[in-house]
Amino acid sequence: MDNDRNQQEGTNYSSNSAGFNSFAPLPGNEAPIVKKHSGLGIASFILALLSIVCYIASVALIGSSSSEIINGGLNYQTEQEVLDSELFPMLAGAGLAIIAAIGLGFIGLILGIIGACMKNRKKLFSVLGIVLNVVFPVIILVLLLLGAAATV
């Protein structure tokens, strides 16, 4: 009777002595679906880390270039003197690092959101990427606002 049912279902598997199909899984013992990490989530997390590195580099550049100004060692009279000094490239590099960090964070946020919306994928790196791409720029913004308020 089992062979008749197998033939009706389109399978050619024979039953063993216990009456179970030897190639089909037992009911309730199906193989679990293994979810892979989302590639977009991993990319979002990596971009968040690169964004953090860019923020740290910009703070280091600004700190090292402004130390002489804070100590009063530099006194520029004209705009051309500032452009000709060795201070300008360091400040320009810090500005570019901040722009790069903002761009990387924005792209990472978009990739993290897309990765979190994908079905049959793990969401760990997507969520980490979203959190890092949102929280760290907010912390930097709050610190900048506190610094600006302290100088007023």
Protein backbone atom coordinates (compact mmCIF):
# COMPACT_ATOMS: atom_id res chain seq x y z
CA MET A 1 0.00 0.00 0.00
CA ASP A 2 2.88 2.38 0.76
CA ASN A 3 4.37 1.63 -2.64
CA ASP A 4 1.05 2.54 -4.27
CA ARG A 5 0.99 5.83 -2.38
CA ASN A 6 4.63 6.57 -3.33
CA GLN A 7 3.86 5.93 -6.96
CA GLN A 8 0.79 8.17 -6.82
CA GLU A 9 2.89 10.98 -5.31
CA GLY A 10 5.48 10.54 -8.03
CA THR A 11 8.25 9.07 -5.89
CA ASN A 12 10.03 5.80 -6.49
CA TYR A 13 11.32 5.25 -2.98
CA SER A 14 10.79 1.91 -1.38
CA SER A 15 9.61 1.52 2.19
CA ASN A 16 11.69 -0.22 4.78
CA SER A 17 10.40 -2.89 7.13
CA ALA A 18 8.98 -0.32 9.55
CA GLY A 19 6.81 1.15 6.81
CA PHE A 20 8.65 4.49 6.63
CA ASN A 21 10.04 5.94 3.47
CA SER A 22 13.82 5.52 3.84
CA PHE A 23 14.68 8.76 1.99
CA ALA A 24 12.06 11.15 3.34
CA PRO A 25 12.56 12.81 6.73
CA LEU A 26 10.32 11.77 9.56
CA PRO A 27 7.47 14.12 10.34
CA GLY A 28 8.75 16.87 12.64
CA ASN A 29 12.40 16.10 11.87
CA GLU A 30 12.86 18.40 8.91
CA ALA A 31 16.30 19.89 8.51
CA PRO A 32 16.44 23.41 9.99
CA ILE A 33 16.91 26.26 7.57
CA VAL A 34 20.35 27.73 8.13
CA LYS A 35 20.23 31.51 7.85
CA LYS A 36 23.28 33.31 6.54
CA HIS A 37 24.39 36.76 7.61
CA SER A 38 23.18 39.51 5.36
CA GLY A 39 25.96 40.78 3.11
CA LEU A 40 24.42 44.24 3.20
CA GLY A 41 24.40 44.10 7.00
CA ILE A 42 28.08 43.19 7.08
CA ALA A 43 28.83 46.04 4.67
CA SER A 44 26.82 48.42 6.87
CA PHE A 45 28.78 47.37 9.94
CA ILE A 46 32.13 47.78 8.16
CA LEU A 47 31.12 51.23 6.88
CA ALA A 48 30.12 52.19 10.43
CA LEU A 49 33.56 51.19 11.68
CA LEU A 50 35.25 53.15 8.88
CA SER A 51 33.06 56.14 9.70
CA ILE A 52 34.15 55.97 13.34
CA VAL A 53 37.80 55.83 12.25
CA CYS A 54 37.25 58.92 10.08
CA TYR A 55 35.68 60.79 13.02
CA ILE A 56 38.61 59.88 15.25
CA ALA A 57 41.10 60.94 12.55
CA SER A 58 39.35 64.28 12.14
CA VAL A 59 39.42 64.92 15.89
CA ALA A 60 43.12 64.03 15.97
CA LEU A 61 43.87 66.37 13.06
CA ILE A 62 41.89 69.22 14.55
CA GLY A 63 43.49 68.70 17.95
CA SER A 64 47.02 68.61 16.62
CA SER A 65 46.54 71.61 14.33
CA SER A 66 44.79 73.77 16.89
CA SER A 67 47.23 73.17 19.73
CA GLU A 68 49.48 76.00 18.54
CA ILE A 69 46.54 78.37 18.18
CA ILE A 70 45.38 77.57 21.73
CA ASN A 71 48.87 78.19 23.09
CA GLY A 72 48.99 81.53 21.29
CA GLY A 73 52.01 80.65 19.17
CA LEU A 74 50.39 81.58 15.87
CA ASN A 75 48.99 84.98 15.09
CA TYR A 76 47.80 85.30 11.50
CA GLN A 77 46.92 88.75 10.24
CA THR A 78 45.52 87.96 6.79
CA GLU A 79 43.66 85.14 5.15
CA GLN A 80 46.58 84.52 2.81
CA GLU A 81 48.87 83.85 5.78
CA VAL A 82 46.46 81.17 6.98
CA LEU A 83 46.33 79.56 3.53
CA ASP A 84 50.13 79.59 3.23
CA SER A 85 50.73 78.13 6.67
CA GLU A 86 51.17 74.47 7.52
CA LEU A 87 47.98 74.65 9.56
CA PHE A 88 45.64 74.85 6.57
CA PRO A 89 46.31 71.37 5.07
CA MET A 90 45.70 69.76 8.45
CA LEU A 91 42.40 71.57 8.92
CA ALA A 92 41.39 70.80 5.33
CA GLY A 93 42.20 67.12 5.93
CA ALA A 94 40.09 67.16 9.08
CA GLY A 95 37.19 68.68 7.14
CA LEU A 96 37.51 66.03 4.43
CA ALA A 97 37.62 63.29 7.08
CA ILE A 98 34.38 64.60 8.59
CA ILE A 99 32.72 64.73 5.17
CA ALA A 100 33.91 61.18 4.44
CA ALA A 101 32.60 60.00 7.81
CA ILE A 102 29.19 61.54 7.16
CA GLY A 103 29.03 59.98 3.68
CA LEU A 104 30.12 56.55 4.90
CA GLY A 105 27.63 56.73 7.76
CA PHE A 106 24.76 57.64 5.46
CA ILE A 107 25.54 54.85 2.99
CA GLY A 108 26.01 52.41 5.88
CA LEU A 109 22.65 53.41 7.35
CA ILE A 110 20.87 52.78 4.05
CA LEU A 111 22.59 49.39 3.62
CA GLY A 112 21.74 48.45 7.21
CA ILE A 113 18.07 49.25 6.73
CA ILE A 114 17.93 47.24 3.51
CA GLY A 115 19.81 44.35 5.16
CA ALA A 116 17.40 44.36 8.11
CA CYS A 117 14.43 44.09 5.73
CA MET A 118 15.76 41.00 3.93
CA LYS A 119 13.99 37.72 4.61
CA ASN A 120 15.76 34.49 5.58
CA ARG A 121 18.90 36.36 6.70
CA LYS A 122 20.42 36.99 10.10
CA LYS A 123 19.93 40.57 11.21
CA LEU A 124 22.80 40.98 13.71
CA PHE A 125 25.20 42.99 11.54
CA SER A 126 22.36 44.99 10.03
CA VAL A 127 21.15 46.10 13.44
CA LEU A 128 24.70 46.82 14.63
CA GLY A 129 25.33 48.85 11.48
CA ILE A 130 22.13 50.85 11.94
CA VAL A 131 22.87 51.55 15.59
CA LEU A 132 26.50 52.58 15.01
CA ASN A 133 25.65 54.68 11.96
CA VAL A 134 23.01 56.60 13.93
CA VAL A 135 24.37 56.77 17.48
CA PHE A 136 27.97 57.76 16.83
CA PRO A 137 27.19 60.81 14.62
CA VAL A 138 24.62 61.95 17.20
CA ILE A 139 27.27 61.71 19.93
CA ILE A 140 29.70 63.73 17.78
CA LEU A 141 27.00 66.34 17.10
CA VAL A 142 26.19 66.66 20.80
CA LEU A 143 29.88 67.06 21.64
CA LEU A 144 30.29 69.72 18.95
CA LEU A 145 27.26 71.61 20.26
CA LEU A 146 28.56 71.38 23.83
CA GLY A 147 31.94 72.65 22.70
CA ALA A 148 30.35 75.53 20.81
CA ALA A 149 28.18 76.41 23.80
CA ALA A 150 31.20 76.34 26.12
CA THR A 151 33.10 78.88 24.01
CA VAL A 152 30.26 81.40 23.94
